[in-house]
Amino acid sequence: MRIVVQEAPFDFGAEAAGFAAGRHDMGAVVTFTGIVRDRPGGGLQAMEIEHYPSMTQKALEQIAAEAVDRWSLGDALVIHRYGRLEPGEQIMMVATAAPHRKDAFEAAEYLMDYLKSRAPFWKKEYCAETGTWVAAKDEDEAALTRW
């Protein structure tokens, strides 16, 4: 299990290939990457993501360990960026490896739902140089109820 919280961009292809390499005992590897998207109608100049390093690392390690145990994963990877990101930039990546695809997919969805709603990151969107904190969305909170 590897958890990385970093400011620098990551190479999704290299990370996915490295994660999947040598997985002879795993029947499925699922990967997902989240990208900063523009607002409906456009106008997003950037998103600033803040966090408390030790708090964030510990929280992500805990939720990834829960996913590994719950779905009997062979491995899990979470990469999440912080700092100033522009539309189109990668914001995060999740990868899961499991003997069967259902477990790999469900564990990846679980991790993504957690990252979206419970991970200790704070996001501010900048449009026309005005910053607005991003509020939690009801649909993100509702997604957690299935777990």
C-alpha atoms as a PDB file:
ATOM      1  CA  MET A   1       0.000   0.000   0.000  1.00  0.00           C
ATOM      2  CA  ARG A   2       1.378   3.383  -0.976  1.00  0.00           C
ATOM      3  CA  ILE A   3      -0.087   6.766  -0.074  1.00  0.00           C
ATOM      4  CA  VAL A   4       1.449   9.892  -1.589  1.00  0.00           C
ATOM      5  CA  VAL A   5       0.419  13.493  -0.952  1.00  0.00           C
ATOM      6  CA  GLN A   6       2.439  15.823  -3.145  1.00  0.00           C
ATOM      7  CA  GLU A   7       2.444  19.190  -4.823  1.00  0.00           C
ATOM      8  CA  ALA A   8       4.178  18.076  -8.030  1.00  0.00           C
ATOM      9  CA  PRO A   9       2.365  16.541 -10.996  1.00  0.00           C
ATOM     10  CA  PHE A  10       2.532  12.751 -11.382  1.00  0.00           C
ATOM     11  CA  ASP A  11       2.828  10.559 -14.467  1.00  0.00           C
ATOM     12  CA  PHE A  12      -0.392   8.543 -14.517  1.00  0.00           C
ATOM     13  CA  GLY A  13       0.878   6.092 -17.117  1.00  0.00           C
ATOM     14  CA  ALA A  14       4.089   5.370 -15.247  1.00  0.00           C
ATOM     15  CA  GLU A  15       2.272   5.058 -11.914  1.00  0.00           C
ATOM     16  CA  ALA A  16      -0.354   2.694 -13.368  1.00  0.00           C
ATOM     17  CA  ALA A  17       2.258   0.572 -15.137  1.00  0.00           C
ATOM     18  CA  GLY A  18       4.424   0.370 -12.027  1.00  0.00           C
ATOM     19  CA  PHE A  19       1.458  -0.554  -9.869  1.00  0.00           C
ATOM     20  CA  ALA A  20       0.316  -3.319 -12.238  1.00  0.00           C
ATOM     21  CA  ALA A  21       3.776  -4.744 -12.936  1.00  0.00           C
ATOM     22  CA  GLY A  22       4.321  -8.295 -11.744  1.00  0.00           C
ATOM     23  CA  ARG A  23       0.776  -8.848 -10.460  1.00  0.00           C
ATOM     24  CA  HIS A  24       0.653 -12.570 -11.287  1.00  0.00           C
ATOM     25  CA  ASP A  25      -1.584 -13.316  -8.292  1.00  0.00           C
ATOM     26  CA  MET A  26      -4.083 -10.547  -9.026  1.00  0.00           C
ATOM     27  CA  GLY A  27      -6.836 -10.893 -11.624  1.00  0.00           C
ATOM     28  CA  ALA A  28      -7.762  -7.210 -11.709  1.00  0.00           C
ATOM     29  CA  VAL A  29      -6.140  -3.811 -11.447  1.00  0.00           C
ATOM     30  CA  VAL A  30      -8.435  -0.782 -11.460  1.00  0.00           C
ATOM     31  CA  THR A  31      -7.134   2.757 -11.873  1.00  0.00           C
ATOM     32  CA  PHE A  32      -8.826   6.123 -11.726  1.00  0.00           C
ATOM     33  CA  THR A  33      -7.521   9.636 -12.029  1.00  0.00           C
ATOM     34  CA  GLY A  34      -9.406  12.775 -11.089  1.00  0.00           C
ATOM     35  CA  ILE A  35      -8.896  15.933 -13.116  1.00  0.00           C
ATOM     36  CA  VAL A  36      -9.621  19.549 -12.189  1.00  0.00           C
ATOM     37  CA  ARG A  37     -12.674  20.449 -14.229  1.00  0.00           C
ATOM     38  CA  ASP A  38     -13.859  23.872 -15.239  1.00  0.00           C
ATOM     39  CA  ARG A  39     -17.118  25.176 -13.854  1.00  0.00           C
ATOM     40  CA  PRO A  40     -20.296  24.902 -15.918  1.00  0.00           C
ATOM     41  CA  GLY A  41     -20.110  27.838 -18.283  1.00  0.00           C
ATOM     42  CA  GLY A  42     -16.349  28.145 -17.778  1.00  0.00           C
ATOM     43  CA  GLY A  43     -14.362  30.722 -15.892  1.00  0.00           C
ATOM     44  CA  LEU A  44     -12.360  28.593 -13.452  1.00  0.00           C
ATOM     45  CA  GLN A  45      -8.800  29.878 -13.459  1.00  0.00           C
ATOM     46  CA  ALA A  46      -7.409  27.602 -10.768  1.00  0.00           C
ATOM     47  CA  MET A  47      -8.164  25.521  -7.707  1.00  0.00           C
ATOM     48  CA  GLU A  48      -6.058  25.790  -4.575  1.00  0.00           C
ATOM     49  CA  ILE A  49      -5.936  22.687  -2.380  1.00  0.00           C
ATOM     50  CA  GLU A  50      -4.762  22.964   1.221  1.00  0.00           C
ATOM     51  CA  HIS A  51      -4.124  20.274   3.833  1.00  0.00           C
ATOM     52  CA  TYR A  52      -2.346  19.504   7.106  1.00  0.00           C
ATOM     53  CA  PRO A  53       0.369  17.015   6.063  1.00  0.00           C
ATOM     54  CA  SER A  54       0.487  14.651   9.040  1.00  0.00           C
ATOM     55  CA  MET A  55      -3.293  14.676   9.454  1.00  0.00           C
ATOM     56  CA  THR A  56      -3.885  14.023   5.762  1.00  0.00           C
ATOM     57  CA  GLN A  57      -1.307  11.246   5.475  1.00  0.00           C
ATOM     58  CA  LYS A  58      -2.693   9.429   8.514  1.00  0.00           C
ATOM     59  CA  ALA A  59      -6.318   9.720   7.319  1.00  0.00           C
ATOM     60  CA  LEU A  60      -5.506   8.420   3.834  1.00  0.00           C
ATOM     61  CA  GLU A  61      -3.452   5.545   5.220  1.00  0.00           C
ATOM     62  CA  GLN A  62      -6.323   4.555   7.490  1.00  0.00           C
ATOM     63  CA  ILE A  63      -8.975   4.535   4.763  1.00  0.00           C
ATOM     64  CA  ALA A  64      -6.699   2.679   2.329  1.00  0.00           C
ATOM     65  CA  ALA A  65      -5.967   0.043   4.996  1.00  0.00           C
ATOM     66  CA  GLU A  66      -9.721  -0.361   5.544  1.00  0.00           C
ATOM     67  CA  ALA A  67     -10.215  -0.888   1.794  1.00  0.00           C
ATOM     68  CA  VAL A  68      -7.377  -3.433   1.650  1.00  0.00           C
ATOM     69  CA  ASP A  69      -8.919  -5.408   4.507  1.00  0.00           C
ATOM     70  CA  ARG A  70     -12.548  -5.113   3.421  1.00  0.00           C
ATOM     71  CA  TRP A  71     -11.967  -6.252  -0.173  1.00  0.00           C
ATOM     72  CA  SER A  72      -8.919  -8.484   0.413  1.00  0.00           C
ATOM     73  CA  LEU A  73      -6.845  -6.337  -1.918  1.00  0.00           C
ATOM     74  CA  GLY A  74      -3.376  -7.327  -2.949  1.00  0.00           C
ATOM     75  CA  ASP A  75      -2.405  -3.666  -2.985  1.00  0.00           C
ATOM     76  CA  ALA A  76      -3.701  -0.102  -3.113  1.00  0.00           C
ATOM     77  CA  LEU A  77      -2.278   3.216  -4.257  1.00  0.00           C
ATOM     78  CA  VAL A  78      -3.530   6.727  -3.541  1.00  0.00           C
ATOM     79  CA  ILE A  79      -1.835   9.834  -4.920  1.00  0.00           C
ATOM     80  CA  HIS A  80      -3.356  13.226  -4.118  1.00  0.00           C
ATOM     81  CA  ARG A  81      -1.975  16.611  -5.023  1.00  0.00           C
ATOM     82  CA  TYR A  82      -2.177  19.915  -3.210  1.00  0.00           C
ATOM     83  CA  GLY A  83      -1.324  23.482  -4.148  1.00  0.00           C
ATOM     84  CA  ARG A  84      -2.515  25.518  -7.110  1.00  0.00           C
ATOM     85  CA  LEU A  85      -3.960  23.420  -9.947  1.00  0.00           C
ATOM     86  CA  GLU A  86      -5.461  24.585 -13.225  1.00  0.00           C
ATOM     87  CA  PRO A  87      -8.349  23.027 -15.172  1.00  0.00           C
ATOM     88  CA  GLY A  88      -7.195  19.888 -16.942  1.00  0.00           C
ATOM     89  CA  GLU A  89      -4.499  19.027 -14.398  1.00  0.00           C
ATOM     90  CA  GLN A  90      -4.566  15.717 -12.557  1.00  0.00           C
ATOM     91  CA  ILE A  91      -5.636  16.105  -8.961  1.00  0.00           C
ATOM     92  CA  MET A  92      -5.535  12.514  -7.709  1.00  0.00           C
ATOM     93  CA  MET A  93      -5.136   8.858  -8.590  1.00  0.00           C
ATOM     94  CA  VAL A  94      -6.429   5.643  -7.060  1.00  0.00           C
ATOM     95  CA  ALA A  95      -5.323   2.144  -7.999  1.00  0.00           C
ATOM     96  CA  THR A  96      -6.463  -1.166  -6.530  1.00  0.00           C
ATOM     97  CA  ALA A  97      -5.348  -4.737  -7.194  1.00  0.00           C
ATOM     98  CA  ALA A  98      -7.494  -7.732  -6.262  1.00  0.00           C
ATOM     99  CA  PRO A  99      -7.915 -11.358  -7.281  1.00  0.00           C
ATOM    100  CA  HIS A 100     -11.324 -10.496  -8.788  1.00  0.00           C
ATOM    101  CA  ARG A 101     -12.562  -7.419 -10.662  1.00  0.00           C
ATOM    102  CA  LYS A 102     -15.611  -6.773  -8.487  1.00  0.00           C
ATOM    103  CA  ASP A 103     -13.435  -6.272  -5.409  1.00  0.00           C
ATOM    104  CA  ALA A 104     -10.972  -4.070  -7.304  1.00  0.00           C
ATOM    105  CA  PHE A 105     -13.771  -1.861  -8.687  1.00  0.00           C
ATOM    106  CA  GLU A 106     -15.669  -1.587  -5.398  1.00  0.00           C
ATOM    107  CA  ALA A 107     -12.540  -0.783  -3.422  1.00  0.00           C
ATOM    108  CA  ALA A 108     -11.556   1.895  -5.943  1.00  0.00           C
ATOM    109  CA  GLU A 109     -15.022   3.456  -5.751  1.00  0.00           C
ATOM    110  CA  TYR A 110     -14.898   3.354  -1.953  1.00  0.00           C
ATOM    111  CA  LEU A 111     -11.556   5.156  -1.952  1.00  0.00           C
ATOM    112  CA  MET A 112     -12.759   7.745  -4.462  1.00  0.00           C
ATOM    113  CA  ASP A 113     -15.946   8.425  -2.481  1.00  0.00           C
ATOM    114  CA  TYR A 114     -13.901   8.853   0.681  1.00  0.00           C
ATOM    115  CA  LEU A 115     -11.394  11.167  -0.994  1.00  0.00           C
ATOM    116  CA  LYS A 116     -14.189  13.315  -2.389  1.00  0.00           C
ATOM    117  CA  SER A 117     -16.093  13.768   0.856  1.00  0.00           C
ATOM    118  CA  ARG A 118     -14.032  12.898   3.925  1.00  0.00           C
ATOM    119  CA  ALA A 119     -10.331  13.324   3.192  1.00  0.00           C
ATOM    120  CA  PRO A 120      -8.940  16.372   4.994  1.00  0.00           C
ATOM    121  CA  PHE A 121      -8.360  18.627   1.999  1.00  0.00           C
ATOM    122  CA  TRP A 122      -9.764  22.119   1.621  1.00  0.00           C
ATOM    123  CA  LYS A 123     -10.409  23.458  -1.870  1.00  0.00           C
ATOM    124  CA  LYS A 124     -10.787  27.022  -3.048  1.00  0.00           C
ATOM    125  CA  GLU A 125     -11.838  27.868  -6.602  1.00  0.00           C
ATOM    126  CA  TYR A 126     -10.553  31.022  -8.274  1.00  0.00           C
ATOM    127  CA  CYS A 127     -12.664  32.736 -10.926  1.00  0.00           C
ATOM    128  CA  ALA A 128     -11.747  36.251 -12.060  1.00  0.00           C
ATOM    129  CA  GLU A 129      -9.240  36.402  -9.180  1.00  0.00           C
ATOM    130  CA  THR A 130     -11.999  35.871  -6.597  1.00  0.00           C
ATOM    131  CA  GLY A 131     -11.563  32.820  -4.378  1.00  0.00           C
ATOM    132  CA  THR A 132     -14.498  30.782  -3.107  1.00  0.00           C
ATOM    133  CA  TRP A 133     -14.217  27.802  -0.784  1.00  0.00           C
ATOM    134  CA  VAL A 134     -15.765  24.651  -2.230  1.00  0.00           C
ATOM    135  CA  ALA A 135     -18.620  23.363  -0.057  1.00  0.00           C
ATOM    136  CA  ALA A 136     -19.457  19.709   0.424  1.00  0.00           C
ATOM    137  CA  LYS A 137     -22.103  18.445  -1.989  1.00  0.00           C
ATOM    138  CA  ASP A 138     -25.117  16.429  -0.902  1.00  0.00           C
ATOM    139  CA  GLU A 139     -24.540  13.845  -3.640  1.00  0.00           C
ATOM    140  CA  ASP A 140     -20.971  13.246  -2.439  1.00  0.00           C
ATOM    141  CA  GLU A 141     -22.210  12.698   1.102  1.00  0.00           C
ATOM    142  CA  ALA A 142     -24.990  10.415  -0.141  1.00  0.00           C
ATOM    143  CA  ALA A 143     -22.452   8.288  -2.026  1.00  0.00           C
ATOM    144  CA  LEU A 144     -20.922   7.271   1.308  1.00  0.00           C
ATOM    145  CA  THR A 145     -24.151   5.699   2.520  1.00  0.00           C
ATOM    146  CA  ARG A 146     -23.697   2.690   0.243  1.00  0.00           C
ATOM    147  CA  TRP A 147     -20.543   1.681   2.101  1.00  0.00           C
END
